[in-house]
Amino acid sequence: MRSCATAVLVVLLFGSTLRAQDKPQPQPTPAAFDAQVASHLLLQLSEALQGHSQKQFLALFDLARMKDGSLFKEQINSFFAQTESIRVHLNLADTSMEGDKAMLAVDAEMEAAPVNGSAITRKSERLYFAVATASNSWRFIELQPRSFFSLP
């Protein structure tokens, strides 16, 4: 009788352990948005540009939430196809929160060498980004002016 009670207890304990493991674990929430998070996003953006990785670049954007996100993707694909190399310097000028979105003002300088061997394009402009959480991380959901990432 005692071994039967022990066996039932073991089964109950084992079953409750399995049920506890079956519960979905809460997804980690992204860190609160601050200047450090903004700087990290801008570093990733510049590394993707300078590494000439349109896949890494576009992964930083939530294209589904962007107005005309598919057009932006086409523009970026064209920009990368037309450039041989890209050098960029991004300087965070200002951050603010508007509801659940972070707004960034970024002073950007870029040199893009076209694949056709024509003259290097140099640009210097203030860019404005909107950033929001997506898939438990921060992603760009807007960029203005988008023309910064195009060749003349």
N, C-alpha and C. Protein backbone atom coordinates (compact mmCIF):
# COMPACT_ATOMS: atom_id res chain seq x y z
N MET A 1 0.82 -1.19 0.00
CA MET A 1 0.00 0.00 0.00
C MET A 1 0.86 1.25 0.00
N ARG A 2 1.93 1.19 0.79
CA ARG A 2 2.81 2.36 0.89
C ARG A 2 3.50 2.62 -0.45
N SER A 3 3.97 1.59 -1.14
CA SER A 3 4.64 1.78 -2.43
C SER A 3 3.65 2.28 -3.48
N CYS A 4 2.40 1.88 -3.37
CA CYS A 4 1.37 2.35 -4.29
C CYS A 4 1.12 3.85 -4.08
N ALA A 5 1.07 4.28 -2.83
CA ALA A 5 0.88 5.70 -2.52
C ALA A 5 2.08 6.50 -2.99
N THR A 6 3.28 5.95 -2.83
CA THR A 6 4.49 6.62 -3.29
C THR A 6 4.48 6.75 -4.80
N ALA A 7 4.05 5.71 -5.49
CA ALA A 7 4.00 5.72 -6.95
C ALA A 7 2.99 6.78 -7.43
N VAL A 8 1.84 6.88 -6.76
CA VAL A 8 0.84 7.88 -7.12
C VAL A 8 1.40 9.28 -6.91
N LEU A 9 2.11 9.48 -5.80
CA LEU A 9 2.71 10.77 -5.51
C LEU A 9 3.74 11.15 -6.56
N VAL A 10 4.57 10.18 -6.98
CA VAL A 10 5.58 10.43 -8.00
C VAL A 10 4.90 10.81 -9.32
N VAL A 11 3.84 10.08 -9.68
CA VAL A 11 3.12 10.37 -10.92
C VAL A 11 2.51 11.77 -10.86
N LEU A 12 1.92 12.13 -9.73
CA LEU A 12 1.32 13.46 -9.59
C LEU A 12 2.37 14.56 -9.69
N LEU A 13 3.50 14.37 -9.01
CA LEU A 13 4.56 15.37 -9.06
C LEU A 13 5.13 15.49 -10.47
N PHE A 14 5.36 14.36 -11.13
CA PHE A 14 5.91 14.36 -12.48
C PHE A 14 4.93 15.03 -13.44
N GLY A 15 3.64 14.72 -13.30
CA GLY A 15 2.61 15.32 -14.15
C GLY A 15 2.52 16.82 -13.98
N SER A 16 2.61 17.30 -12.73
CA SER A 16 2.54 18.75 -12.51
C SER A 16 3.78 19.44 -13.05
N THR A 17 4.93 18.76 -13.00
CA THR A 17 6.16 19.32 -13.57
C THR A 17 6.02 19.46 -15.07
N LEU A 18 5.46 18.43 -15.72
CA LEU A 18 5.26 18.50 -17.17
C LEU A 18 4.28 19.61 -17.53
N ARG A 19 3.19 19.75 -16.76
CA ARG A 19 2.22 20.82 -17.06
C ARG A 19 2.87 22.19 -16.90
N ALA A 20 3.73 22.34 -15.91
CA ALA A 20 4.41 23.63 -15.71
C ALA A 20 5.33 23.92 -16.89
N GLN A 21 5.97 22.87 -17.45
CA GLN A 21 6.85 23.08 -18.59
C GLN A 21 6.07 23.36 -19.86
N ASP A 22 4.81 22.86 -19.93
CA ASP A 22 3.99 23.08 -21.11
C ASP A 22 3.48 24.51 -21.21
N LYS A 23 3.43 25.21 -20.10
CA LYS A 23 2.92 26.58 -20.12
C LYS A 23 3.84 27.44 -21.00
N PRO A 24 3.26 28.25 -21.85
CA PRO A 24 4.11 29.12 -22.68
C PRO A 24 4.86 30.11 -21.79
N GLN A 25 6.12 30.23 -22.06
CA GLN A 25 6.94 31.16 -21.32
C GLN A 25 6.68 32.57 -21.85
N PRO A 26 6.60 33.55 -20.98
CA PRO A 26 6.38 34.91 -21.47
C PRO A 26 7.56 35.36 -22.33
N GLN A 27 7.23 36.05 -23.43
CA GLN A 27 8.26 36.55 -24.32
C GLN A 27 8.98 37.72 -23.66
N PRO A 28 10.30 37.79 -23.84
CA PRO A 28 11.00 38.93 -23.26
C PRO A 28 10.54 40.22 -23.92
N THR A 29 10.40 41.25 -23.14
CA THR A 29 10.00 42.53 -23.70
C THR A 29 11.26 43.32 -24.03
N PRO A 30 11.19 44.13 -25.08
CA PRO A 30 12.38 44.90 -25.42
C PRO A 30 12.70 45.91 -24.32
N ALA A 31 13.94 46.25 -24.25
CA ALA A 31 14.38 47.24 -23.27
C ALA A 31 13.65 48.56 -23.53
N ALA A 32 13.48 49.33 -22.48
CA ALA A 32 12.87 50.65 -22.63
C ALA A 32 13.70 51.45 -23.62
N PHE A 33 13.03 52.23 -24.44
CA PHE A 33 13.75 52.99 -25.46
C PHE A 33 14.48 54.15 -24.82
N ASP A 34 15.76 54.27 -25.13
CA ASP A 34 16.57 55.38 -24.65
C ASP A 34 17.65 55.66 -25.69
N ALA A 35 18.53 56.59 -25.39
CA ALA A 35 19.58 56.98 -26.33
C ALA A 35 20.51 55.81 -26.65
N GLN A 36 20.72 54.91 -25.69
CA GLN A 36 21.59 53.75 -25.93
C GLN A 36 20.95 52.80 -26.95
N VAL A 37 19.65 52.56 -26.81
CA VAL A 37 18.94 51.71 -27.78
C VAL A 37 18.98 52.37 -29.15
N ALA A 38 18.74 53.67 -29.20
CA ALA A 38 18.77 54.41 -30.46
C ALA A 38 20.15 54.31 -31.11
N SER A 39 21.19 54.50 -30.33
CA SER A 39 22.56 54.42 -30.86
C SER A 39 22.87 53.03 -31.40
N HIS A 40 22.38 52.00 -30.69
CA HIS A 40 22.60 50.63 -31.14
C HIS A 40 21.90 50.37 -32.49
N LEU A 41 20.67 50.85 -32.63
CA LEU A 41 19.97 50.71 -33.90
C LEU A 41 20.70 51.42 -35.03
N LEU A 42 21.19 52.62 -34.76
CA LEU A 42 21.91 53.37 -35.78
C LEU A 42 23.23 52.70 -36.14
N LEU A 43 23.88 52.10 -35.16
CA LEU A 43 25.11 51.35 -35.43
C LEU A 43 24.81 50.16 -36.35
N GLN A 44 23.73 49.43 -36.06
CA GLN A 44 23.34 48.31 -36.92
C GLN A 44 23.02 48.79 -38.33
N LEU A 45 22.36 49.93 -38.44
CA LEU A 45 22.02 50.49 -39.73
C LEU A 45 23.29 50.84 -40.52
N SER A 46 24.22 51.51 -39.87
CA SER A 46 25.45 51.90 -40.56
C SER A 46 26.29 50.67 -40.93
N GLU A 47 26.33 49.66 -40.06
CA GLU A 47 27.08 48.43 -40.37
C GLU A 47 26.46 47.72 -41.58
N ALA A 48 25.14 47.70 -41.66
CA ALA A 48 24.48 47.06 -42.79
C ALA A 48 24.79 47.81 -44.09
N LEU A 49 24.78 49.14 -44.03
CA LEU A 49 25.09 49.93 -45.22
C LEU A 49 26.54 49.73 -45.64
N GLN A 50 27.46 49.89 -44.71
CA GLN A 50 28.88 49.79 -45.04
C GLN A 50 29.28 48.36 -45.39
N GLY A 51 28.56 47.38 -44.84
CA GLY A 51 28.80 45.98 -45.20
C GLY A 51 28.08 45.58 -46.47
N HIS A 52 27.38 46.52 -47.06
CA HIS A 52 26.62 46.35 -48.29
C HIS A 52 25.67 45.15 -48.18
N SER A 53 24.95 45.09 -47.05
CA SER A 53 24.01 44.01 -46.79
C SER A 53 22.58 44.55 -46.75
N GLN A 54 21.91 44.46 -47.90
CA GLN A 54 20.54 44.95 -47.93
C GLN A 54 19.64 44.08 -47.06
N LYS A 55 19.96 42.80 -46.91
CA LYS A 55 19.16 41.93 -46.05
C LYS A 55 19.21 42.41 -44.60
N GLN A 56 20.41 42.71 -44.10
CA GLN A 56 20.55 43.23 -42.72
C GLN A 56 19.90 44.59 -42.59
N PHE A 57 20.05 45.42 -43.61
CA PHE A 57 19.47 46.76 -43.59
C PHE A 57 17.95 46.67 -43.48
N LEU A 58 17.34 45.90 -44.37
CA LEU A 58 15.88 45.80 -44.38
C LEU A 58 15.34 45.09 -43.14
N ALA A 59 16.12 44.22 -42.52
CA ALA A 59 15.69 43.53 -41.31
C ALA A 59 15.50 44.50 -40.14
N LEU A 60 16.08 45.68 -40.22
CA LEU A 60 15.93 46.68 -39.17
C LEU A 60 14.61 47.45 -39.28
N PHE A 61 13.88 47.22 -40.36
CA PHE A 61 12.62 47.92 -40.61
C PHE A 61 11.45 46.96 -40.48
N ASP A 62 10.34 47.45 -39.95
CA ASP A 62 9.09 46.69 -39.95
C ASP A 62 8.32 47.16 -41.17
N LEU A 63 8.61 46.53 -42.31
CA LEU A 63 8.05 46.97 -43.58
C LEU A 63 6.53 46.86 -43.62
N ALA A 64 5.97 45.92 -42.88
CA ALA A 64 4.51 45.76 -42.86
C ALA A 64 3.83 46.96 -42.21
N ARG A 65 4.50 47.59 -41.26
CA ARG A 65 3.91 48.75 -40.57
C ARG A 65 4.27 50.07 -41.24
N MET A 66 5.25 50.06 -42.13
CA MET A 66 5.65 51.28 -42.82
C MET A 66 4.63 51.64 -43.88
N LYS A 67 4.34 52.91 -43.99
CA LYS A 67 3.51 53.38 -45.10
C LYS A 67 4.32 53.11 -46.38
N ASP A 68 3.72 52.43 -47.33
CA ASP A 68 4.39 52.07 -48.60
C ASP A 68 5.69 51.30 -48.35
N GLY A 69 5.64 50.37 -47.39
CA GLY A 69 6.80 49.57 -47.06
C GLY A 69 7.34 48.77 -48.23
N SER A 70 6.48 48.26 -49.09
CA SER A 70 6.95 47.48 -50.24
C SER A 70 7.68 48.38 -51.24
N LEU A 71 7.21 49.62 -51.40
CA LEU A 71 7.93 50.57 -52.28
C LEU A 71 9.30 50.92 -51.69
N PHE A 72 9.35 51.07 -50.37
CA PHE A 72 10.63 51.36 -49.71
C PHE A 72 11.60 50.19 -49.93
N LYS A 73 11.10 48.97 -49.82
CA LYS A 73 11.95 47.79 -50.03
C LYS A 73 12.50 47.79 -51.46
N GLU A 74 11.65 48.09 -52.44
CA GLU A 74 12.11 48.16 -53.83
C GLU A 74 13.16 49.25 -54.00
N GLN A 75 12.94 50.39 -53.36
CA GLN A 75 13.90 51.50 -53.45
C GLN A 75 15.25 51.08 -52.88
N ILE A 76 15.23 50.42 -51.73
CA ILE A 76 16.48 49.98 -51.09
C ILE A 76 17.18 48.92 -51.94
N ASN A 77 16.41 47.99 -52.50
CA ASN A 77 17.00 46.97 -53.37
C ASN A 77 17.68 47.63 -54.57
N SER A 78 17.05 48.64 -55.14
CA SER A 78 17.62 49.37 -56.26
C SER A 78 18.88 50.13 -55.83
N PHE A 79 18.81 50.77 -54.67
CA PHE A 79 19.95 51.53 -54.16
C PHE A 79 21.17 50.62 -53.98
N PHE A 80 20.98 49.47 -53.37
CA PHE A 80 22.10 48.55 -53.17
C PHE A 80 22.61 48.00 -54.49
N ALA A 81 21.71 47.75 -55.44
CA ALA A 81 22.12 47.24 -56.75
C ALA A 81 22.94 48.27 -57.53
N GLN A 82 22.68 49.55 -57.30
CA GLN A 82 23.38 50.62 -58.02
C GLN A 82 24.68 51.05 -57.36
N THR A 83 24.92 50.60 -56.13
CA THR A 83 26.12 51.05 -55.42
C THR A 83 27.13 49.93 -55.25
N GLU A 84 28.38 50.32 -55.41
CA GLU A 84 29.47 49.38 -55.20
C GLU A 84 29.92 49.40 -53.74
N SER A 85 29.97 50.60 -53.18
CA SER A 85 30.34 50.73 -51.77
C SER A 85 29.63 51.95 -51.18
N ILE A 86 29.45 51.87 -49.87
CA ILE A 86 28.75 52.93 -49.15
C ILE A 86 29.52 53.22 -47.87
N ARG A 87 29.76 54.50 -47.64
CA ARG A 87 30.31 54.95 -46.37
C ARG A 87 29.29 55.87 -45.75
N VAL A 88 29.06 55.70 -44.45
CA VAL A 88 28.02 56.50 -43.81
C VAL A 88 28.44 56.86 -42.40
N HIS A 89 28.01 58.04 -41.97
CA HIS A 89 28.20 58.48 -40.59
C HIS A 89 26.84 58.97 -40.11
N LEU A 90 26.35 58.34 -39.02
CA LEU A 90 25.05 58.71 -38.45
C LEU A 90 25.26 59.25 -37.05
N ASN A 91 24.78 60.47 -36.81
CA ASN A 91 24.93 61.11 -35.51
C ASN A 91 23.54 61.39 -34.93
N LEU A 92 23.24 60.74 -33.81
CA LEU A 92 21.95 60.93 -33.16
C LEU A 92 21.87 62.35 -32.62
N ALA A 93 20.90 63.12 -33.12
CA ALA A 93 20.76 64.52 -32.70
C ALA A 93 19.71 64.67 -31.61
N ASP A 94 18.63 63.87 -31.68
CA ASP A 94 17.55 64.03 -30.71
C ASP A 94 16.68 62.78 -30.69
N THR A 95 16.12 62.48 -29.52
CA THR A 95 15.13 61.41 -29.38
C THR A 95 13.96 61.94 -28.57
N SER A 96 12.79 61.40 -28.87
CA SER A 96 11.60 61.73 -28.09
C SER A 96 10.62 60.58 -28.22
N MET A 97 9.67 60.53 -27.31
CA MET A 97 8.63 59.51 -27.37
C MET A 97 7.32 60.17 -27.74
N GLU A 98 6.57 59.52 -28.63
CA GLU A 98 5.22 59.94 -29.00
C GLU A 98 4.33 58.72 -28.87
N GLY A 99 3.71 58.58 -27.71
CA GLY A 99 2.90 57.40 -27.44
C GLY A 99 3.79 56.18 -27.31
N ASP A 100 3.55 55.18 -28.14
CA ASP A 100 4.35 53.96 -28.09
C ASP A 100 5.47 53.96 -29.12
N LYS A 101 5.71 55.11 -29.77
CA LYS A 101 6.77 55.23 -30.77
C LYS A 101 7.87 56.16 -30.28
N ALA A 102 9.08 55.83 -30.67
CA ALA A 102 10.21 56.72 -30.42
C ALA A 102 10.50 57.46 -31.73
N MET A 103 10.85 58.71 -31.60
CA MET A 103 11.19 59.52 -32.76
C MET A 103 12.67 59.89 -32.66
N LEU A 104 13.38 59.72 -33.75
CA LEU A 104 14.81 60.04 -33.79
C LEU A 104 15.07 61.09 -34.85
N ALA A 105 15.91 62.05 -34.51
CA ALA A 105 16.45 62.98 -35.49
C ALA A 105 17.93 62.63 -35.60
N VAL A 106 18.37 62.39 -36.84
CA VAL A 106 19.72 61.89 -37.07
C VAL A 106 20.39 62.73 -38.14
N ASP A 107 21.56 63.26 -37.83
CA ASP A 107 22.36 63.95 -38.84
C ASP A 107 23.16 62.88 -39.57
N ALA A 108 22.92 62.77 -40.88
CA ALA A 108 23.52 61.69 -41.68
C ALA A 108 24.39 62.25 -42.79
N GLU A 109 25.53 61.61 -42.96
CA GLU A 109 26.43 61.90 -44.08
C GLU A 109 26.73 60.58 -44.77
N MET A 110 26.69 60.59 -46.10
CA MET A 110 26.91 59.36 -46.83
C MET A 110 27.69 59.63 -48.11
N GLU A 111 28.56 58.68 -48.43
CA GLU A 111 29.24 58.64 -49.72
C GLU A 111 28.90 57.30 -50.34
N ALA A 112 28.35 57.34 -51.56
CA ALA A 112 27.98 56.11 -52.26
C ALA A 112 28.69 56.08 -53.60
N ALA A 113 29.45 55.00 -53.83
CA ALA A 113 30.15 54.82 -55.10
C ALA A 113 29.29 53.96 -56.01
N PRO A 114 28.86 54.51 -57.14
CA PRO A 114 28.02 53.74 -58.07
C PRO A 114 28.81 52.60 -58.73
N VAL A 115 28.10 51.53 -59.09
CA VAL A 115 28.74 50.39 -59.75
C VAL A 115 29.19 50.74 -61.16
N ASN A 116 28.58 51.74 -61.78
CA ASN A 116 28.94 52.08 -63.16
C ASN A 116 30.20 52.94 -63.26
N GLY A 117 30.84 53.21 -62.13
CA GLY A 117 32.10 53.95 -62.15
C GLY A 117 31.94 55.46 -62.24
N SER A 118 30.73 55.96 -62.22
CA SER A 118 30.56 57.42 -62.26
C SER A 118 30.95 58.03 -60.90
N ALA A 119 30.84 59.33 -60.81
CA ALA A 119 31.31 60.05 -59.62
C ALA A 119 30.60 59.60 -58.35
N ILE A 120 31.34 59.64 -57.26
CA ILE A 120 30.78 59.30 -55.95
C ILE A 120 29.72 60.32 -55.58
N THR A 121 28.60 59.84 -55.07
CA THR A 121 27.52 60.70 -54.61
C THR A 121 27.72 60.97 -53.13
N ARG A 122 27.71 62.25 -52.77
CA ARG A 122 27.85 62.65 -51.36
C ARG A 122 26.56 63.34 -50.93
N LYS A 123 26.08 62.91 -49.75
CA LYS A 123 24.86 63.50 -49.22
C LYS A 123 25.06 63.82 -47.75
N SER A 124 24.41 64.89 -47.33
CA SER A 124 24.39 65.29 -45.93
C SER A 124 23.00 65.83 -45.65
N GLU A 125 22.31 65.19 -44.70
CA GLU A 125 20.92 65.56 -44.47
C GLU A 125 20.49 65.12 -43.07
N ARG A 126 19.47 65.77 -42.55
CA ARG A 126 18.87 65.33 -41.29
C ARG A 126 17.77 64.33 -41.63
N LEU A 127 17.88 63.13 -41.04
CA LEU A 127 16.88 62.09 -41.24
C LEU A 127 16.01 61.98 -40.00
N TYR A 128 14.76 61.64 -40.23
CA TYR A 128 13.82 61.44 -39.14
C TYR A 128 13.29 60.02 -39.19
N PHE A 129 13.44 59.32 -38.09
CA PHE A 129 13.00 57.94 -37.98
C PHE A 129 11.91 57.84 -36.92
N ALA A 130 10.97 56.94 -37.15
CA ALA A 130 10.02 56.51 -36.11
C ALA A 130 10.38 55.07 -35.81
N VAL A 131 10.39 54.73 -34.53
CA VAL A 131 10.79 53.39 -34.08
C VAL A 131 9.71 52.85 -33.16
N ALA A 132 9.38 51.57 -33.34
CA ALA A 132 8.38 50.92 -32.48
C ALA A 132 8.81 49.48 -32.25
N THR A 133 8.16 48.84 -31.29
CA THR A 133 8.50 47.45 -31.02
C THR A 133 7.82 46.55 -32.05
N ALA A 134 8.57 45.52 -32.44
CA ALA A 134 8.08 44.50 -33.37
C ALA A 134 8.85 43.23 -33.08
N SER A 135 8.14 42.14 -32.86
CA SER A 135 8.79 40.85 -32.57
C SER A 135 9.78 40.98 -31.41
N ASN A 136 9.36 41.67 -30.39
CA ASN A 136 10.15 41.84 -29.17
C ASN A 136 11.49 42.53 -29.37
N SER A 137 11.55 43.41 -30.35
CA SER A 137 12.73 44.25 -30.52
C SER A 137 12.26 45.56 -31.15
N TRP A 138 13.13 46.52 -31.15
CA TRP A 138 12.80 47.82 -31.75
C TRP A 138 13.12 47.77 -33.24
N ARG A 139 12.22 48.29 -34.05
CA ARG A 139 12.39 48.34 -35.50
C ARG A 139 11.96 49.72 -36.00
N PHE A 140 12.60 50.14 -37.07
CA PHE A 140 12.21 51.39 -37.73
C PHE A 140 10.88 51.16 -38.43
N ILE A 141 9.94 52.09 -38.24
CA ILE A 141 8.66 51.98 -38.93
C ILE A 141 8.42 53.16 -39.86
N GLU A 142 9.33 54.12 -39.86
CA GLU A 142 9.24 55.24 -40.79
C GLU A 142 10.60 55.91 -40.92
N LEU A 143 10.82 56.49 -42.07
CA LEU A 143 12.06 57.21 -42.37
C LEU A 143 11.72 58.33 -43.34
N GLN A 144 12.19 59.52 -43.02
CA GLN A 144 12.00 60.67 -43.92
C GLN A 144 13.28 61.49 -43.94
N PRO A 145 13.72 62.02 -45.02
CA PRO A 145 13.23 61.74 -46.36
C PRO A 145 13.82 60.43 -46.89
N ARG A 146 12.99 59.66 -47.52
CA ARG A 146 13.42 58.37 -48.07
C ARG A 146 14.38 58.55 -49.24
N SER A 147 14.33 59.69 -49.88
CA SER A 147 15.19 59.95 -51.04
C SER A 147 16.68 59.94 -50.67
N PHE A 148 16.98 60.00 -49.36
CA PHE A 148 18.40 59.93 -48.94
C PHE A 148 19.04 58.66 -49.46
N PHE A 149 18.26 57.58 -49.53
CA PHE A 149 18.79 56.30 -49.99
C PHE A 149 18.43 56.06 -51.45
N SER A 150 18.90 56.98 -52.29
CA SER A 150 18.76 56.82 -53.74
C SER A 150 19.89 57.61 -54.40
N LEU A 151 20.26 57.18 -55.59
CA LEU A 151 21.30 57.88 -56.33
C LEU A 151 20.62 58.82 -57.33
N PRO A 152 21.31 59.92 -57.66
CA PRO A 152 20.72 60.85 -58.63
C PRO A 152 20.61 60.27 -60.03
